[in-house]
Amino acid sequence: MDATVAERGQITLSKAVRDALGLTKGTLLTVELDGGRIILRKNADDAVSRLRGRFKLPAGVTTDDIMRELRGRAPGDPVEP
């Protein structure tokens, strides 16, 4: 994937990347330099991360089941008749 640096030094991440990482307006990213590379990391100190591990799913329910209920069928899921 390519990105172009705008006049004010801004770049735009593709929707696919934002969706895959759960990036929304206001998400904090940590910027690191590694030689000639720029590394962006999602700040783990957000509200969702603070709640991670505090809730138990009912027996037999997976996180995939919950995500499908919230977002609908995922790409690659079988189509139910």
C-alpha atoms as a PDB file:
ATOM      1  CA  MET A   1       0.000   0.000   0.000  1.00  0.00           C
ATOM      2  CA  ASP A   2       1.212   3.488  -0.796  1.00  0.00           C
ATOM      3  CA  ALA A   3       0.462   6.766   0.967  1.00  0.00           C
ATOM      4  CA  THR A   4       1.358  10.302  -0.030  1.00  0.00           C
ATOM      5  CA  VAL A   5       2.512  12.913   2.449  1.00  0.00           C
ATOM      6  CA  ALA A   6       0.311  16.016   2.174  1.00  0.00           C
ATOM      7  CA  GLU A   7       1.488  19.615   2.419  1.00  0.00           C
ATOM      8  CA  ARG A   8       1.065  19.726   6.195  1.00  0.00           C
ATOM      9  CA  GLY A   9       2.807  16.372   6.741  1.00  0.00           C
ATOM     10  CA  GLN A  10      -0.392  14.352   6.975  1.00  0.00           C
ATOM     11  CA  ILE A  11      -0.970  10.913   5.473  1.00  0.00           C
ATOM     12  CA  THR A  12      -4.207   9.019   4.931  1.00  0.00           C
ATOM     13  CA  LEU A  13      -4.487   5.368   5.917  1.00  0.00           C
ATOM     14  CA  SER A  14      -6.727   3.289   3.670  1.00  0.00           C
ATOM     15  CA  LYS A  15     -10.157   2.290   4.942  1.00  0.00           C
ATOM     16  CA  ALA A  16      -9.079  -1.365   4.903  1.00  0.00           C
ATOM     17  CA  VAL A  17      -6.211  -0.598   7.299  1.00  0.00           C
ATOM     18  CA  ARG A  18      -8.377   1.570   9.564  1.00  0.00           C
ATOM     19  CA  ASP A  19     -11.089  -1.085   9.706  1.00  0.00           C
ATOM     20  CA  ALA A  20      -8.629  -3.933  10.332  1.00  0.00           C
ATOM     21  CA  LEU A  21      -7.086  -2.082  13.275  1.00  0.00           C
ATOM     22  CA  GLY A  22     -10.269  -0.513  14.590  1.00  0.00           C
ATOM     23  CA  LEU A  23      -8.955   3.014  14.049  1.00  0.00           C
ATOM     24  CA  THR A  24     -11.578   5.732  14.362  1.00  0.00           C
ATOM     25  CA  LYS A  25     -11.477   9.505  14.600  1.00  0.00           C
ATOM     26  CA  GLY A  26      -9.492  10.438  17.693  1.00  0.00           C
ATOM     27  CA  THR A  27      -7.635   7.116  18.049  1.00  0.00           C
ATOM     28  CA  LEU A  28      -4.170   7.817  19.429  1.00  0.00           C
ATOM     29  CA  LEU A  29      -1.218   6.330  17.573  1.00  0.00           C
ATOM     30  CA  THR A  30       2.354   6.113  18.827  1.00  0.00           C
ATOM     31  CA  VAL A  31       4.951   7.032  16.197  1.00  0.00           C
ATOM     32  CA  GLU A  32       8.332   5.299  16.366  1.00  0.00           C
ATOM     33  CA  LEU A  33      11.369   5.614  14.120  1.00  0.00           C
ATOM     34  CA  ASP A  34      13.378   2.493  13.302  1.00  0.00           C
ATOM     35  CA  GLY A  35      16.242   3.476  11.051  1.00  0.00           C
ATOM     36  CA  GLY A  36      14.562   4.558   7.823  1.00  0.00           C
ATOM     37  CA  ARG A  37      11.156   3.165   8.826  1.00  0.00           C
ATOM     38  CA  ILE A  38       8.187   4.770  10.541  1.00  0.00           C
ATOM     39  CA  ILE A  39       6.204   2.490  12.840  1.00  0.00           C
ATOM     40  CA  LEU A  40       2.679   3.465  13.897  1.00  0.00           C
ATOM     41  CA  ARG A  41       1.218   1.654  16.891  1.00  0.00           C
ATOM     42  CA  LYS A  42      -2.315   1.904  18.178  1.00  0.00           C
ATOM     43  CA  ASN A  43      -2.230   3.284  21.711  1.00  0.00           C
ATOM     44  CA  ALA A  44      -3.165   0.351  23.949  1.00  0.00           C
ATOM     45  CA  ASP A  45      -4.448   2.703  26.643  1.00  0.00           C
ATOM     46  CA  ASP A  46      -7.846   3.278  25.059  1.00  0.00           C
ATOM     47  CA  ALA A  47     -11.234   2.481  26.598  1.00  0.00           C
ATOM     48  CA  VAL A  48     -11.609  -0.910  24.927  1.00  0.00           C
ATOM     49  CA  SER A  49      -8.140  -2.048  25.950  1.00  0.00           C
ATOM     50  CA  ARG A  50      -8.785  -1.056  29.558  1.00  0.00           C
ATOM     51  CA  LEU A  51     -11.871  -3.293  29.579  1.00  0.00           C
ATOM     52  CA  ARG A  52     -10.155  -6.272  27.956  1.00  0.00           C
ATOM     53  CA  GLY A  53     -10.490  -9.435  30.043  1.00  0.00           C
ATOM     54  CA  ARG A  54     -13.163  -8.090  32.397  1.00  0.00           C
ATOM     55  CA  PHE A  55     -16.142  -9.824  30.794  1.00  0.00           C
ATOM     56  CA  LYS A  56     -16.829 -13.519  30.312  1.00  0.00           C
ATOM     57  CA  LEU A  57     -18.703 -14.863  27.289  1.00  0.00           C
ATOM     58  CA  PRO A  58     -21.473 -17.390  27.805  1.00  0.00           C
ATOM     59  CA  ALA A  59     -20.463 -21.023  27.317  1.00  0.00           C
ATOM     60  CA  GLY A  60     -20.330 -21.973  23.642  1.00  0.00           C
ATOM     61  CA  VAL A  61     -20.191 -18.340  22.410  1.00  0.00           C
ATOM     62  CA  THR A  62     -17.024 -17.118  20.687  1.00  0.00           C
ATOM     63  CA  THR A  63     -15.789 -13.611  20.002  1.00  0.00           C
ATOM     64  CA  ASP A  64     -16.365 -14.376  16.310  1.00  0.00           C
ATOM     65  CA  ASP A  65     -20.044 -15.013  17.104  1.00  0.00           C
ATOM     66  CA  ILE A  66     -20.287 -11.648  18.876  1.00  0.00           C
ATOM     67  CA  MET A  67     -18.519  -9.822  16.024  1.00  0.00           C
ATOM     68  CA  ARG A  68     -20.865 -11.386  13.443  1.00  0.00           C
ATOM     69  CA  GLU A  69     -23.845 -10.308  15.535  1.00  0.00           C
ATOM     70  CA  LEU A  70     -22.504  -6.741  15.696  1.00  0.00           C
ATOM     71  CA  ARG A  71     -21.060  -6.370  12.186  1.00  0.00           C
ATOM     72  CA  GLY A  72     -22.811  -8.995  10.091  1.00  0.00           C
ATOM     73  CA  ARG A  73     -21.242 -11.706   7.991  1.00  0.00           C
ATOM     74  CA  ALA A  74     -17.473 -11.507   7.649  1.00  0.00           C
ATOM     75  CA  PRO A  75     -15.722 -11.887   4.275  1.00  0.00           C
ATOM     76  CA  GLY A  76     -15.124 -15.571   3.664  1.00  0.00           C
ATOM     77  CA  ASP A  77     -17.968 -16.719   5.935  1.00  0.00           C
ATOM     78  CA  PRO A  78     -20.245 -19.306   4.334  1.00  0.00           C
ATOM     79  CA  VAL A  79     -23.538 -17.903   3.094  1.00  0.00           C
ATOM     80  CA  GLU A  80     -26.459 -19.431   4.957  1.00  0.00           C
ATOM     81  CA  PRO A  81     -29.410 -20.534   2.794  1.00  0.00           C
END
